[in-house]
Amino acid sequence: MKQLNLAEAKARLSHLVDQAAKGKSVIIAKSGIAMAKLGPVEDEKPKRIKFGTLKGVLTDEAIAAIEAPLPGEILDVMVSGPVKSGTRK
């Protein structure tokens, strides 16, 4: 991989971006120390959801806790907002 100093990369930025779009990468160095890498953007595909990955991991107790209805106090806060100090029911 090619390494350029910062001043040279700055002067050739447009060309380097074109090269990156074609798949080439370059290391940009400052005082001889690699500081950054300019390269192509890789298309990130969203990860597929794999159903059943927790099968056998969650206990029946954990599943029951997840599926249980929320207590009324919590539902009230979710619906009407937090209780202001000094105004409790």
N, C-alpha and C. Protein backbone atom coordinates (compact mmCIF):
# COMPACT_ATOMS: atom_id res chain seq x y z
N MET A 1 0.86 -1.17 0.00
CA MET A 1 0.00 0.00 0.00
C MET A 1 0.90 1.24 0.00
N LYS A 2 0.53 2.19 -0.77
CA LYS A 2 1.31 3.42 -0.93
C LYS A 2 1.16 4.31 0.30
N GLN A 3 2.26 4.97 0.69
CA GLN A 3 2.22 5.90 1.82
C GLN A 3 2.68 7.28 1.34
N LEU A 4 1.89 8.29 1.67
CA LEU A 4 2.20 9.67 1.30
C LEU A 4 2.29 10.51 2.56
N ASN A 5 3.12 11.58 2.47
CA ASN A 5 3.12 12.49 3.61
C ASN A 5 1.90 13.40 3.50
N LEU A 6 1.57 14.05 4.59
CA LEU A 6 0.35 14.85 4.67
C LEU A 6 0.30 15.94 3.62
N ALA A 7 1.39 16.65 3.40
CA ALA A 7 1.41 17.75 2.43
C ALA A 7 1.13 17.24 1.02
N GLU A 8 1.74 16.11 0.67
CA GLU A 8 1.52 15.55 -0.66
C GLU A 8 0.08 15.06 -0.81
N ALA A 9 -0.45 14.42 0.22
CA ALA A 9 -1.83 13.94 0.17
C ALA A 9 -2.79 15.12 0.05
N LYS A 10 -2.49 16.19 0.75
CA LYS A 10 -3.34 17.39 0.69
C LYS A 10 -3.36 17.96 -0.73
N ALA A 11 -2.20 17.99 -1.36
CA ALA A 11 -2.10 18.54 -2.72
C ALA A 11 -2.77 17.64 -3.75
N ARG A 12 -2.84 16.33 -3.48
CA ARG A 12 -3.38 15.38 -4.45
C ARG A 12 -4.69 14.75 -3.99
N LEU A 13 -5.40 15.41 -3.07
CA LEU A 13 -6.59 14.81 -2.47
C LEU A 13 -7.62 14.37 -3.50
N SER A 14 -7.93 15.21 -4.45
CA SER A 14 -8.94 14.87 -5.45
C SER A 14 -8.56 13.60 -6.20
N HIS A 15 -7.31 13.50 -6.59
CA HIS A 15 -6.81 12.30 -7.29
C HIS A 15 -6.89 11.08 -6.38
N LEU A 16 -6.52 11.24 -5.11
CA LEU A 16 -6.54 10.13 -4.17
C LEU A 16 -7.97 9.63 -3.93
N VAL A 17 -8.92 10.55 -3.88
CA VAL A 17 -10.32 10.16 -3.71
C VAL A 17 -10.79 9.37 -4.93
N ASP A 18 -10.40 9.82 -6.12
CA ASP A 18 -10.75 9.08 -7.34
C ASP A 18 -10.16 7.66 -7.30
N GLN A 19 -8.92 7.55 -6.83
CA GLN A 19 -8.28 6.25 -6.73
C GLN A 19 -9.00 5.36 -5.70
N ALA A 20 -9.42 5.97 -4.60
CA ALA A 20 -10.15 5.22 -3.58
C ALA A 20 -11.46 4.68 -4.15
N ALA A 21 -12.11 5.49 -4.97
CA ALA A 21 -13.37 5.06 -5.59
C ALA A 21 -13.14 3.86 -6.51
N LYS A 22 -11.92 3.72 -7.02
CA LYS A 22 -11.58 2.59 -7.88
C LYS A 22 -11.09 1.38 -7.09
N GLY A 23 -11.03 1.53 -5.75
CA GLY A 23 -10.66 0.39 -4.91
C GLY A 23 -9.26 0.44 -4.35
N LYS A 24 -8.50 1.48 -4.64
CA LYS A 24 -7.13 1.57 -4.13
C LYS A 24 -7.10 2.35 -2.82
N SER A 25 -6.19 1.96 -1.94
CA SER A 25 -6.05 2.63 -0.64
C SER A 25 -4.67 3.27 -0.53
N VAL A 26 -4.58 4.26 0.33
CA VAL A 26 -3.30 4.93 0.57
C VAL A 26 -3.22 5.28 2.05
N ILE A 27 -2.01 5.21 2.59
CA ILE A 27 -1.76 5.60 3.97
C ILE A 27 -1.25 7.03 3.96
N ILE A 28 -1.78 7.86 4.85
CA ILE A 28 -1.33 9.25 4.97
C ILE A 28 -0.53 9.35 6.26
N ALA A 29 0.71 9.84 6.12
CA ALA A 29 1.62 9.91 7.26
C ALA A 29 1.95 11.36 7.61
N LYS A 30 2.25 11.56 8.88
CA LYS A 30 2.68 12.87 9.37
C LYS A 30 4.00 12.65 10.09
N SER A 31 5.03 13.31 9.63
CA SER A 31 6.38 13.14 10.17
C SER A 31 6.81 11.68 10.11
N GLY A 32 6.41 10.99 9.04
CA GLY A 32 6.81 9.61 8.84
C GLY A 32 5.99 8.58 9.60
N ILE A 33 5.03 9.04 10.39
CA ILE A 33 4.20 8.13 11.18
C ILE A 33 2.82 8.03 10.54
N ALA A 34 2.40 6.81 10.24
CA ALA A 34 1.09 6.60 9.62
C ALA A 34 -0.01 7.13 10.54
N MET A 35 -0.86 7.98 9.99
CA MET A 35 -1.92 8.61 10.79
C MET A 35 -3.33 8.26 10.30
N ALA A 36 -3.47 8.00 9.01
CA ALA A 36 -4.80 7.75 8.47
C ALA A 36 -4.70 6.87 7.24
N LYS A 37 -5.81 6.23 6.92
CA LYS A 37 -5.90 5.41 5.72
C LYS A 37 -7.07 5.92 4.90
N LEU A 38 -6.82 6.20 3.64
CA LEU A 38 -7.86 6.62 2.72
C LEU A 38 -8.11 5.47 1.77
N GLY A 39 -9.35 4.99 1.75
CA GLY A 39 -9.65 3.85 0.91
C GLY A 39 -11.10 3.84 0.50
N PRO A 40 -11.49 2.82 -0.25
CA PRO A 40 -12.86 2.73 -0.74
C PRO A 40 -13.84 2.49 0.40
N VAL A 41 -15.04 2.99 0.21
CA VAL A 41 -16.11 2.73 1.17
C VAL A 41 -16.71 1.38 0.81
N GLU A 42 -16.77 0.51 1.79
CA GLU A 42 -17.33 -0.80 1.54
C GLU A 42 -18.81 -0.77 1.83
N ASP A 43 -19.59 -1.29 0.91
CA ASP A 43 -21.03 -1.34 1.13
C ASP A 43 -21.32 -2.30 2.26
N GLU A 44 -21.93 -1.78 3.30
CA GLU A 44 -22.28 -2.62 4.43
C GLU A 44 -23.69 -3.15 4.25
N LYS A 45 -23.78 -4.44 4.16
CA LYS A 45 -25.09 -5.07 4.03
C LYS A 45 -25.66 -5.25 5.43
N PRO A 46 -26.92 -4.95 5.61
CA PRO A 46 -27.51 -5.17 6.93
C PRO A 46 -27.44 -6.65 7.30
N LYS A 47 -27.14 -6.91 8.56
CA LYS A 47 -27.06 -8.29 9.01
C LYS A 47 -28.46 -8.90 9.01
N ARG A 48 -28.53 -10.10 8.53
CA ARG A 48 -29.81 -10.82 8.52
C ARG A 48 -30.14 -11.26 9.93
N ILE A 49 -31.39 -11.17 10.24
CA ILE A 49 -31.85 -11.64 11.55
C ILE A 49 -31.97 -13.15 11.48
N LYS A 50 -31.31 -13.79 12.39
CA LYS A 50 -31.40 -15.25 12.44
C LYS A 50 -32.27 -15.63 13.62
N PHE A 51 -33.48 -16.04 13.33
CA PHE A 51 -34.42 -16.40 14.37
C PHE A 51 -34.01 -17.70 15.04
N GLY A 52 -34.21 -17.74 16.33
CA GLY A 52 -33.90 -18.95 17.08
C GLY A 52 -32.50 -18.99 17.65
N THR A 53 -31.77 -17.89 17.56
CA THR A 53 -30.38 -17.91 18.06
C THR A 53 -30.31 -18.02 19.58
N LEU A 54 -31.36 -17.65 20.29
CA LEU A 54 -31.36 -17.77 21.75
C LEU A 54 -32.10 -19.02 22.24
N LYS A 55 -32.50 -19.85 21.30
CA LYS A 55 -33.22 -21.05 21.68
C LYS A 55 -32.32 -21.92 22.56
N GLY A 56 -32.82 -22.27 23.72
CA GLY A 56 -32.04 -23.08 24.64
C GLY A 56 -31.14 -22.27 25.56
N VAL A 57 -31.02 -20.98 25.30
CA VAL A 57 -30.18 -20.11 26.13
C VAL A 57 -31.01 -19.46 27.24
N LEU A 58 -32.19 -18.99 26.87
CA LEU A 58 -33.06 -18.33 27.85
C LEU A 58 -33.80 -19.38 28.67
N THR A 59 -33.83 -19.17 29.96
CA THR A 59 -34.57 -20.08 30.84
C THR A 59 -36.05 -19.74 30.78
N ASP A 60 -36.88 -20.67 31.24
CA ASP A 60 -38.32 -20.42 31.29
C ASP A 60 -38.63 -19.23 32.19
N GLU A 61 -37.85 -19.08 33.25
CA GLU A 61 -38.04 -17.95 34.18
C GLU A 61 -37.75 -16.62 33.48
N ALA A 62 -36.69 -16.58 32.68
CA ALA A 62 -36.35 -15.35 31.96
C ALA A 62 -37.42 -15.02 30.93
N ILE A 63 -37.90 -16.01 30.24
CA ILE A 63 -38.95 -15.80 29.23
C ILE A 63 -40.22 -15.27 29.89
N ALA A 64 -40.58 -15.84 31.03
CA ALA A 64 -41.77 -15.39 31.75
C ALA A 64 -41.62 -13.94 32.18
N ALA A 65 -40.41 -13.56 32.63
CA ALA A 65 -40.17 -12.18 33.06
C ALA A 65 -40.27 -11.22 31.88
N ILE A 66 -39.79 -11.62 30.74
CA ILE A 66 -39.85 -10.77 29.54
C ILE A 66 -41.30 -10.59 29.08
N GLU A 67 -42.07 -11.66 29.14
CA GLU A 67 -43.45 -11.62 28.64
C GLU A 67 -44.46 -11.08 29.66
N ALA A 68 -44.06 -10.94 30.91
CA ALA A 68 -44.98 -10.48 31.96
C ALA A 68 -45.39 -9.03 31.70
N PRO A 69 -46.64 -8.69 32.06
CA PRO A 69 -47.07 -7.30 31.90
C PRO A 69 -46.30 -6.39 32.86
N LEU A 70 -46.11 -5.15 32.45
CA LEU A 70 -45.41 -4.19 33.29
C LEU A 70 -46.29 -3.77 34.46
N PRO A 71 -45.67 -3.44 35.59
CA PRO A 71 -46.45 -2.95 36.73
C PRO A 71 -47.15 -1.64 36.37
N GLY A 72 -48.30 -1.40 37.02
CA GLY A 72 -49.09 -0.20 36.75
C GLY A 72 -48.31 1.09 36.93
N GLU A 73 -47.40 1.16 37.93
CA GLU A 73 -46.61 2.38 38.16
C GLU A 73 -45.77 2.73 36.94
N ILE A 74 -45.17 1.72 36.37
CA ILE A 74 -44.31 1.96 35.19
C ILE A 74 -45.16 2.35 33.99
N LEU A 75 -46.29 1.69 33.80
CA LEU A 75 -47.17 2.05 32.68
C LEU A 75 -47.67 3.49 32.82
N ASP A 76 -48.01 3.92 34.05
CA ASP A 76 -48.45 5.30 34.27
C ASP A 76 -47.37 6.29 33.86
N VAL A 77 -46.13 6.01 34.23
CA VAL A 77 -45.03 6.91 33.88
C VAL A 77 -44.83 6.95 32.37
N MET A 78 -44.97 5.80 31.74
CA MET A 78 -44.79 5.75 30.28
C MET A 78 -45.89 6.52 29.56
N VAL A 79 -47.10 6.48 30.09
CA VAL A 79 -48.24 7.14 29.45
C VAL A 79 -48.29 8.62 29.76
N SER A 80 -48.12 8.97 31.04
CA SER A 80 -48.31 10.37 31.44
C SER A 80 -47.04 11.11 31.80
N GLY A 81 -45.89 10.49 31.65
CA GLY A 81 -44.63 11.17 31.92
C GLY A 81 -44.20 10.97 33.36
N PRO A 82 -42.98 11.43 33.67
CA PRO A 82 -42.46 11.24 35.03
C PRO A 82 -43.24 12.04 36.05
N VAL A 83 -43.26 11.51 37.27
CA VAL A 83 -43.94 12.18 38.38
C VAL A 83 -43.04 13.30 38.87
N LYS A 84 -43.58 14.51 38.98
CA LYS A 84 -42.80 15.63 39.47
C LYS A 84 -42.72 15.57 40.98
N SER A 85 -41.61 16.00 41.53
CA SER A 85 -41.41 15.91 42.96
C SER A 85 -42.48 16.72 43.70
N GLY A 86 -43.01 16.15 44.78
CA GLY A 86 -44.03 16.82 45.57
C GLY A 86 -45.44 16.66 45.06
N THR A 87 -45.62 15.96 43.92
CA THR A 87 -46.97 15.80 43.35
C THR A 87 -47.34 14.34 43.22
N ARG A 88 -46.87 13.51 44.14
CA ARG A 88 -47.19 12.07 44.07
C ARG A 88 -48.66 11.86 44.34
N LYS A 89 -49.17 10.80 43.83
CA LYS A 89 -50.59 10.46 43.98
C LYS A 89 -50.88 10.00 45.37
